[in-house]
């Protein structure tokens, strides 16, 4: 009788282990996919910032235009992105719409502290991006 109970207990514990492992693997896959999406959006925002900085350095009066602009005014538009001025009480913010991936991103800077967000077309939603600077899409 003891061997039957021990065997049954071993089977139950083994089943629990495999169920928990399967659940953890699924969570890891979801996290990995979210990291991939966030990293791609982060890279797009960084590229958009480079274009914004280039425009700021080459167009005379552009910087003053940025601060005189109203909330959600378009600052820059080209074939693959639109850059908006987004007012915030403490941060300097730029909103981005990326035409190729059809996603909105938000960049915030407060005294050198940079933040990157996933957002929507209203720029009111703020989901902080979790990204990998070393991510390379060719690694997959």
N, C-alpha and C. Protein backbone atom coordinates (compact mmCIF):
# COMPACT_ATOMS: atom_id res chain seq x y z
N UNK A 1 0.81 -1.19 0.00
CA UNK A 1 0.00 0.00 0.00
C UNK A 1 0.85 1.25 0.00
N UNK A 2 1.98 1.23 0.72
CA UNK A 2 2.84 2.41 0.77
C UNK A 2 3.43 2.74 -0.59
N UNK A 3 3.74 1.73 -1.36
CA UNK A 3 4.33 1.97 -2.68
C UNK A 3 3.30 2.61 -3.62
N UNK A 4 2.02 2.28 -3.44
CA UNK A 4 0.96 2.87 -4.26
C UNK A 4 0.81 4.35 -3.95
N UNK A 5 0.80 4.70 -2.68
CA UNK A 5 0.69 6.11 -2.28
C UNK A 5 1.92 6.90 -2.74
N UNK A 6 3.09 6.32 -2.57
CA UNK A 6 4.32 6.97 -3.00
C UNK A 6 4.32 7.18 -4.51
N UNK A 7 3.89 6.18 -5.25
CA UNK A 7 3.83 6.28 -6.71
C UNK A 7 2.83 7.35 -7.14
N UNK A 8 1.68 7.36 -6.50
CA UNK A 8 0.65 8.35 -6.81
C UNK A 8 1.14 9.76 -6.50
N UNK A 9 1.81 9.91 -5.37
CA UNK A 9 2.37 11.21 -4.99
C UNK A 9 3.44 11.65 -5.98
N UNK A 10 4.28 10.74 -6.42
CA UNK A 10 5.33 11.06 -7.40
C UNK A 10 4.71 11.49 -8.73
N UNK A 11 3.65 10.80 -9.15
CA UNK A 11 2.97 11.15 -10.40
C UNK A 11 2.35 12.54 -10.30
N UNK A 12 1.71 12.83 -9.16
CA UNK A 12 1.09 14.15 -8.96
C UNK A 12 2.14 15.26 -8.94
N UNK A 13 3.22 15.04 -8.23
CA UNK A 13 4.28 16.05 -8.18
C UNK A 13 4.92 16.24 -9.55
N UNK A 14 5.11 15.15 -10.28
CA UNK A 14 5.66 15.24 -11.63
C UNK A 14 4.73 16.01 -12.56
N UNK A 15 3.43 15.74 -12.46
CA UNK A 15 2.45 16.47 -13.26
C UNK A 15 2.44 17.95 -12.93
N UNK A 16 2.50 18.27 -11.62
CA UNK A 16 2.55 19.67 -11.20
C UNK A 16 3.80 20.36 -11.75
N UNK A 17 4.93 19.68 -11.68
CA UNK A 17 6.18 20.25 -12.19
C UNK A 17 6.07 20.54 -13.68
N UNK A 18 5.57 19.61 -14.45
CA UNK A 18 5.45 19.82 -15.90
C UNK A 18 4.44 20.92 -16.23
N UNK A 19 3.33 20.99 -15.47
CA UNK A 19 2.35 22.06 -15.68
C UNK A 19 2.96 23.42 -15.39
N UNK A 20 3.67 23.52 -14.27
CA UNK A 20 4.29 24.80 -13.88
C UNK A 20 5.38 25.18 -14.87
N UNK A 21 6.18 24.23 -15.33
CA UNK A 21 7.23 24.50 -16.29
C UNK A 21 6.64 25.00 -17.61
N UNK A 22 5.56 24.35 -18.05
CA UNK A 22 4.91 24.77 -19.30
C UNK A 22 4.38 26.19 -19.17
N UNK A 23 3.79 26.52 -18.02
CA UNK A 23 3.27 27.87 -17.77
C UNK A 23 4.41 28.89 -17.76
N UNK A 24 5.53 28.55 -17.13
CA UNK A 24 6.68 29.46 -17.09
C UNK A 24 7.28 29.67 -18.47
N UNK A 25 7.33 28.63 -19.28
CA UNK A 25 7.84 28.75 -20.65
C UNK A 25 6.95 29.68 -21.45
N UNK A 26 5.63 29.56 -21.29
CA UNK A 26 4.69 30.43 -22.00
C UNK A 26 4.89 31.88 -21.56
N UNK A 27 5.04 32.12 -20.28
CA UNK A 27 5.29 33.49 -19.78
C UNK A 27 6.60 34.03 -20.34
N UNK A 28 7.62 33.21 -20.42
CA UNK A 28 8.91 33.64 -20.97
C UNK A 28 8.77 34.00 -22.44
N UNK A 29 8.00 33.22 -23.18
CA UNK A 29 7.79 33.53 -24.61
C UNK A 29 7.06 34.85 -24.77
N UNK A 30 6.05 35.11 -23.94
CA UNK A 30 5.32 36.38 -24.00
C UNK A 30 6.25 37.53 -23.64
N UNK A 31 7.06 37.37 -22.61
CA UNK A 31 8.00 38.42 -22.20
C UNK A 31 9.03 38.68 -23.29
N UNK A 32 9.53 37.63 -23.91
CA UNK A 32 10.52 37.78 -24.97
C UNK A 32 9.92 38.53 -26.17
N UNK A 33 8.68 38.21 -26.51
CA UNK A 33 8.00 38.88 -27.62
C UNK A 33 7.75 40.36 -27.29
N UNK A 34 7.35 40.64 -26.03
CA UNK A 34 7.15 42.04 -25.62
C UNK A 34 8.47 42.81 -25.66
N UNK A 35 9.54 42.18 -25.21
CA UNK A 35 10.86 42.81 -25.27
C UNK A 35 11.25 43.11 -26.71
N UNK A 36 10.96 42.20 -27.62
CA UNK A 36 11.28 42.41 -29.03
C UNK A 36 10.50 43.60 -29.60
N UNK A 37 9.20 43.65 -29.32
CA UNK A 37 8.36 44.76 -29.81
C UNK A 37 8.81 46.10 -29.21
N UNK A 38 9.08 46.10 -27.89
CA UNK A 38 9.52 47.34 -27.24
C UNK A 38 10.87 47.80 -27.77
N UNK A 39 11.76 46.86 -28.04
CA UNK A 39 13.08 47.22 -28.56
C UNK A 39 12.97 47.81 -29.96
N UNK A 40 12.11 47.25 -30.78
CA UNK A 40 11.91 47.80 -32.13
C UNK A 40 11.36 49.21 -32.05
N UNK A 41 10.37 49.45 -31.19
CA UNK A 41 9.82 50.80 -31.02
C UNK A 41 10.88 51.74 -30.47
N UNK A 42 11.66 51.28 -29.51
CA UNK A 42 12.76 52.09 -28.95
C UNK A 42 13.74 52.51 -30.05
N UNK A 43 14.12 51.56 -30.90
CA UNK A 43 15.04 51.88 -31.99
C UNK A 43 14.43 52.89 -32.95
N UNK A 44 13.15 52.78 -33.22
CA UNK A 44 12.48 53.76 -34.08
C UNK A 44 12.48 55.15 -33.43
N UNK A 45 12.20 55.20 -32.12
CA UNK A 45 12.20 56.50 -31.43
C UNK A 45 13.60 57.11 -31.47
N UNK A 46 14.63 56.30 -31.24
CA UNK A 46 16.01 56.82 -31.30
C UNK A 46 16.32 57.37 -32.70
N UNK A 47 15.88 56.66 -33.74
CA UNK A 47 16.07 57.15 -35.11
C UNK A 47 15.29 58.43 -35.35
N UNK A 48 14.08 58.52 -34.82
CA UNK A 48 13.28 59.73 -34.94
C UNK A 48 13.92 60.91 -34.22
N UNK A 49 14.53 60.64 -33.09
CA UNK A 49 15.25 61.70 -32.37
C UNK A 49 16.43 62.20 -33.17
N UNK A 50 17.13 61.29 -33.85
CA UNK A 50 18.26 61.73 -34.69
C UNK A 50 17.77 62.64 -35.81
N UNK A 51 16.64 62.30 -36.42
CA UNK A 51 16.10 63.15 -37.48
C UNK A 51 15.65 64.50 -36.92
N UNK A 52 15.04 64.48 -35.74
CA UNK A 52 14.63 65.72 -35.09
C UNK A 52 15.85 66.60 -34.79
N UNK A 53 16.90 66.01 -34.23
CA UNK A 53 18.12 66.77 -33.92
C UNK A 53 18.77 67.32 -35.19
N UNK A 54 18.76 66.53 -36.26
CA UNK A 54 19.32 67.01 -37.53
C UNK A 54 18.52 68.21 -38.03
N UNK A 55 17.21 68.12 -37.98
CA UNK A 55 16.34 69.21 -38.42
C UNK A 55 16.58 70.44 -37.55
N UNK A 56 16.72 70.24 -36.26
CA UNK A 56 16.96 71.35 -35.32
C UNK A 56 18.28 72.04 -35.63
N UNK A 57 19.29 71.27 -36.02
CA UNK A 57 20.61 71.86 -36.27
C UNK A 57 20.73 72.49 -37.65
N UNK A 58 19.89 72.10 -38.60
CA UNK A 58 20.03 72.62 -39.96
C UNK A 58 19.02 73.70 -40.31
N UNK A 59 17.86 73.72 -39.68
CA UNK A 59 16.85 74.71 -40.01
C UNK A 59 16.90 75.86 -39.01
N UNK A 60 17.15 77.03 -39.50
CA UNK A 60 17.24 78.20 -38.64
C UNK A 60 15.86 78.51 -38.05
N UNK A 61 15.82 78.76 -36.77
CA UNK A 61 14.58 79.09 -36.08
C UNK A 61 13.72 77.89 -35.71
N UNK A 62 14.19 76.70 -36.00
CA UNK A 62 13.39 75.50 -35.70
C UNK A 62 13.23 75.30 -34.20
N UNK A 63 14.29 75.54 -33.44
CA UNK A 63 14.25 75.32 -32.00
C UNK A 63 13.23 76.24 -31.34
N UNK A 64 13.17 77.51 -31.74
CA UNK A 64 12.19 78.42 -31.17
C UNK A 64 10.78 78.03 -31.61
N UNK A 65 10.66 77.48 -32.82
CA UNK A 65 9.36 77.00 -33.31
C UNK A 65 8.84 75.87 -32.43
N UNK A 66 9.75 75.04 -31.94
CA UNK A 66 9.36 73.92 -31.09
C UNK A 66 8.72 74.43 -29.81
N UNK A 67 9.34 75.42 -29.17
CA UNK A 67 8.82 75.91 -27.90
C UNK A 67 7.61 76.81 -28.06
N UNK A 68 7.44 77.40 -29.23
CA UNK A 68 6.26 78.23 -29.49
C UNK A 68 5.08 77.40 -29.97
N UNK A 69 5.29 76.14 -30.26
CA UNK A 69 4.23 75.30 -30.81
C UNK A 69 3.23 74.91 -29.73
N UNK A 70 2.04 74.60 -30.16
CA UNK A 70 0.98 74.14 -29.26
C UNK A 70 1.09 72.63 -29.09
N UNK A 71 0.30 72.14 -28.14
CA UNK A 71 0.28 70.71 -27.89
C UNK A 71 -0.18 69.94 -29.13
N UNK A 72 0.57 68.93 -29.48
CA UNK A 72 0.31 68.02 -30.61
C UNK A 72 0.44 68.68 -31.98
N UNK A 73 1.16 69.81 -32.05
CA UNK A 73 1.51 70.39 -33.35
C UNK A 73 2.54 69.51 -34.02
N UNK A 74 2.45 69.39 -35.34
CA UNK A 74 3.43 68.60 -36.10
C UNK A 74 4.69 69.44 -36.27
N UNK A 75 5.82 68.90 -35.82
CA UNK A 75 7.11 69.58 -35.95
C UNK A 75 7.87 69.11 -37.18
N UNK A 76 7.69 67.87 -37.53
CA UNK A 76 8.45 67.28 -38.62
C UNK A 76 7.65 66.12 -39.20
N UNK A 77 7.60 66.03 -40.51
CA UNK A 77 6.95 64.90 -41.15
C UNK A 77 7.75 64.53 -42.39
N UNK A 78 7.96 63.25 -42.56
CA UNK A 78 8.58 62.74 -43.78
C UNK A 78 7.90 61.43 -44.17
N UNK A 79 8.52 60.68 -45.02
CA UNK A 79 7.89 59.48 -45.57
C UNK A 79 7.63 58.39 -44.53
N UNK A 80 8.40 58.37 -43.46
CA UNK A 80 8.23 57.27 -42.52
C UNK A 80 7.89 57.67 -41.09
N UNK A 81 7.85 58.97 -40.78
CA UNK A 81 7.49 59.35 -39.42
C UNK A 81 6.87 60.73 -39.36
N UNK A 82 6.16 60.96 -38.26
CA UNK A 82 5.65 62.29 -37.92
C UNK A 82 6.08 62.55 -36.48
N UNK A 83 6.62 63.77 -36.24
CA UNK A 83 7.06 64.15 -34.90
C UNK A 83 6.13 65.26 -34.41
N UNK A 84 5.60 65.08 -33.20
CA UNK A 84 4.69 66.03 -32.59
C UNK A 84 5.32 66.63 -31.34
N UNK A 85 4.94 67.85 -31.01
CA UNK A 85 5.29 68.45 -29.72
C UNK A 85 4.21 68.03 -28.75
N UNK A 86 4.60 67.46 -27.64
CA UNK A 86 3.64 67.01 -26.62
C UNK A 86 3.96 67.76 -25.33
N UNK A 87 3.03 68.55 -24.89
CA UNK A 87 3.22 69.33 -23.65
C UNK A 87 3.11 68.42 -22.43
N UNK A 88 3.96 68.72 -21.46
CA UNK A 88 3.97 67.98 -20.19
C UNK A 88 4.40 68.95 -19.10
N UNK A 89 3.93 68.73 -17.88
CA UNK A 89 4.21 69.69 -16.81
C UNK A 89 5.67 69.70 -16.37
N UNK A 90 6.40 68.61 -16.57
CA UNK A 90 7.78 68.60 -16.09
C UNK A 90 8.81 68.19 -17.13
N UNK A 91 8.42 67.41 -18.14
CA UNK A 91 9.37 66.89 -19.11
C UNK A 91 9.25 67.61 -20.45
N UNK A 92 10.36 67.63 -21.18
CA UNK A 92 10.30 67.99 -22.59
C UNK A 92 9.90 66.71 -23.31
N UNK A 93 8.83 66.77 -24.10
CA UNK A 93 8.34 65.55 -24.74
C UNK A 93 8.13 65.74 -26.24
N UNK A 94 8.42 64.64 -26.94
CA UNK A 94 8.14 64.55 -28.36
C UNK A 94 7.34 63.28 -28.59
N UNK A 95 6.31 63.40 -29.39
CA UNK A 95 5.52 62.24 -29.77
C UNK A 95 5.87 61.82 -31.18
N UNK A 96 5.84 60.55 -31.45
CA UNK A 96 6.20 60.02 -32.76
C UNK A 96 5.09 59.10 -33.27
N UNK A 97 4.85 59.18 -34.57
CA UNK A 97 4.06 58.16 -35.24
C UNK A 97 4.93 57.58 -36.34
N UNK A 98 5.11 56.27 -36.30
CA UNK A 98 5.95 55.60 -37.29
C UNK A 98 5.05 54.91 -38.29
N UNK A 99 5.12 55.37 -39.52
CA UNK A 99 4.21 54.91 -40.56
C UNK A 99 4.48 53.45 -40.95
N UNK A 100 5.72 53.02 -40.89
CA UNK A 100 6.03 51.65 -41.32
C UNK A 100 5.54 50.59 -40.34
N UNK A 101 5.63 50.86 -39.04
CA UNK A 101 5.17 49.89 -38.05
C UNK A 101 3.80 50.27 -37.45
N UNK A 102 3.29 51.43 -37.87
CA UNK A 102 1.96 51.90 -37.43
C UNK A 102 1.84 51.91 -35.91
N UNK A 103 2.84 52.52 -35.26
CA UNK A 103 2.85 52.61 -33.80
C UNK A 103 3.21 54.02 -33.37
N UNK A 104 2.74 54.35 -32.17
CA UNK A 104 3.05 55.64 -31.57
C UNK A 104 4.06 55.45 -30.45
N UNK A 105 5.00 56.37 -30.38
CA UNK A 105 5.99 56.36 -29.33
C UNK A 105 6.09 57.74 -28.72
N UNK A 106 6.64 57.79 -27.53
CA UNK A 106 6.76 59.04 -26.81
C UNK A 106 8.14 59.10 -26.18
N UNK A 107 8.79 60.25 -26.34
CA UNK A 107 10.11 60.48 -25.75
C UNK A 107 9.96 61.58 -24.71
N UNK A 108 10.51 61.35 -23.53
CA UNK A 108 10.51 62.36 -22.48
C UNK A 108 11.90 62.58 -21.94
N UNK A 109 12.21 63.85 -21.65
CA UNK A 109 13.52 64.19 -21.11
C UNK A 109 13.33 65.21 -19.99
N UNK A 110 13.87 64.89 -18.83
CA UNK A 110 13.85 65.81 -17.70
C UNK A 110 15.25 65.90 -17.14
N UNK A 111 15.91 67.01 -17.41
CA UNK A 111 17.28 67.27 -16.93
C UNK A 111 18.22 66.09 -17.19
N UNK A 112 18.20 65.58 -18.40
CA UNK A 112 19.10 64.50 -18.79
C UNK A 112 18.55 63.10 -18.58
N UNK A 113 17.46 62.97 -17.86
CA UNK A 113 16.82 61.66 -17.66
C UNK A 113 15.90 61.41 -18.84
N UNK A 114 16.21 60.39 -19.62
CA UNK A 114 15.43 60.08 -20.80
C UNK A 114 14.48 58.91 -20.51
N UNK A 115 13.27 59.03 -21.05
CA UNK A 115 12.29 57.97 -20.93
C UNK A 115 11.67 57.72 -22.30
N UNK A 116 11.33 56.47 -22.53
CA UNK A 116 10.74 56.06 -23.80
C UNK A 116 9.45 55.31 -23.48
N UNK A 117 8.37 55.68 -24.18
CA UNK A 117 7.06 55.11 -23.90
C UNK A 117 6.40 54.58 -25.16
N UNK A 118 5.54 53.59 -24.98
CA UNK A 118 4.57 53.20 -25.99
C UNK A 118 3.32 54.00 -25.65
N UNK A 119 2.64 54.52 -26.67
CA UNK A 119 1.48 55.36 -26.41
C UNK A 119 0.44 55.15 -27.50
N UNK A 120 -0.59 55.96 -27.49
CA UNK A 120 -1.63 55.92 -28.51
C UNK A 120 -1.68 57.27 -29.22
N UNK A 121 -2.65 57.44 -30.12
CA UNK A 121 -2.70 58.66 -30.93
C UNK A 121 -2.98 59.91 -30.10
N UNK A 122 -3.50 59.77 -28.89
CA UNK A 122 -3.75 60.93 -28.03
C UNK A 122 -2.50 61.34 -27.24
N UNK A 123 -1.51 60.47 -27.18
CA UNK A 123 -0.28 60.65 -26.41
C UNK A 123 -0.54 60.77 -24.90
N UNK A 124 -1.69 60.30 -24.46
CA UNK A 124 -2.02 60.33 -23.03
C UNK A 124 -1.63 59.03 -22.33
N UNK A 125 -1.65 57.92 -23.06
CA UNK A 125 -1.28 56.62 -22.49
C UNK A 125 0.25 56.55 -22.42
N UNK A 126 0.77 56.08 -21.32
CA UNK A 126 2.21 55.96 -21.15
C UNK A 126 2.56 54.57 -20.64
N UNK A 127 3.16 53.76 -21.49
CA UNK A 127 3.68 52.46 -21.08
C UNK A 127 5.19 52.51 -21.29
N UNK A 128 5.93 52.45 -20.21
CA UNK A 128 7.39 52.53 -20.31
C UNK A 128 7.91 51.33 -21.08
N UNK A 129 8.80 51.60 -22.02
CA UNK A 129 9.37 50.53 -22.83
C UNK A 129 10.44 49.78 -22.06
N UNK A 130 10.45 48.49 -22.22
CA UNK A 130 11.51 47.63 -21.71
C UNK A 130 12.28 47.18 -22.95
N UNK A 131 13.49 47.65 -23.12
CA UNK A 131 14.22 47.42 -24.37
C UNK A 131 15.63 46.91 -24.11
N UNK A 132 16.21 46.38 -25.16
CA UNK A 132 17.56 45.83 -25.12
C UNK A 132 18.41 46.59 -26.13
N UNK A 133 19.37 47.37 -25.64
CA UNK A 133 20.23 48.15 -26.54
C UNK A 133 21.04 47.28 -27.48
N UNK A 134 21.29 46.04 -27.09
CA UNK A 134 22.12 45.15 -27.90
C UNK A 134 21.30 44.28 -28.85
N UNK A 135 20.00 44.50 -28.91
CA UNK A 135 19.12 43.66 -29.72
C UNK A 135 19.43 43.87 -31.19
N UNK A 136 19.52 42.78 -31.91
CA UNK A 136 19.74 42.81 -33.37
C UNK A 136 18.70 41.91 -34.00
N UNK A 137 17.87 42.45 -34.87
CA UNK A 137 16.79 41.68 -35.48
C UNK A 137 17.31 40.49 -36.31
N UNK A 138 18.57 40.55 -36.71
CA UNK A 138 19.16 39.46 -37.49
C UNK A 138 19.51 38.26 -36.64
N UNK A 139 19.50 38.41 -35.31
CA UNK A 139 19.86 37.31 -34.42
C UNK A 139 18.85 36.18 -34.45
N UNK A 140 17.63 36.48 -34.88
CA UNK A 140 16.58 35.45 -34.82
C UNK A 140 16.68 34.48 -35.96
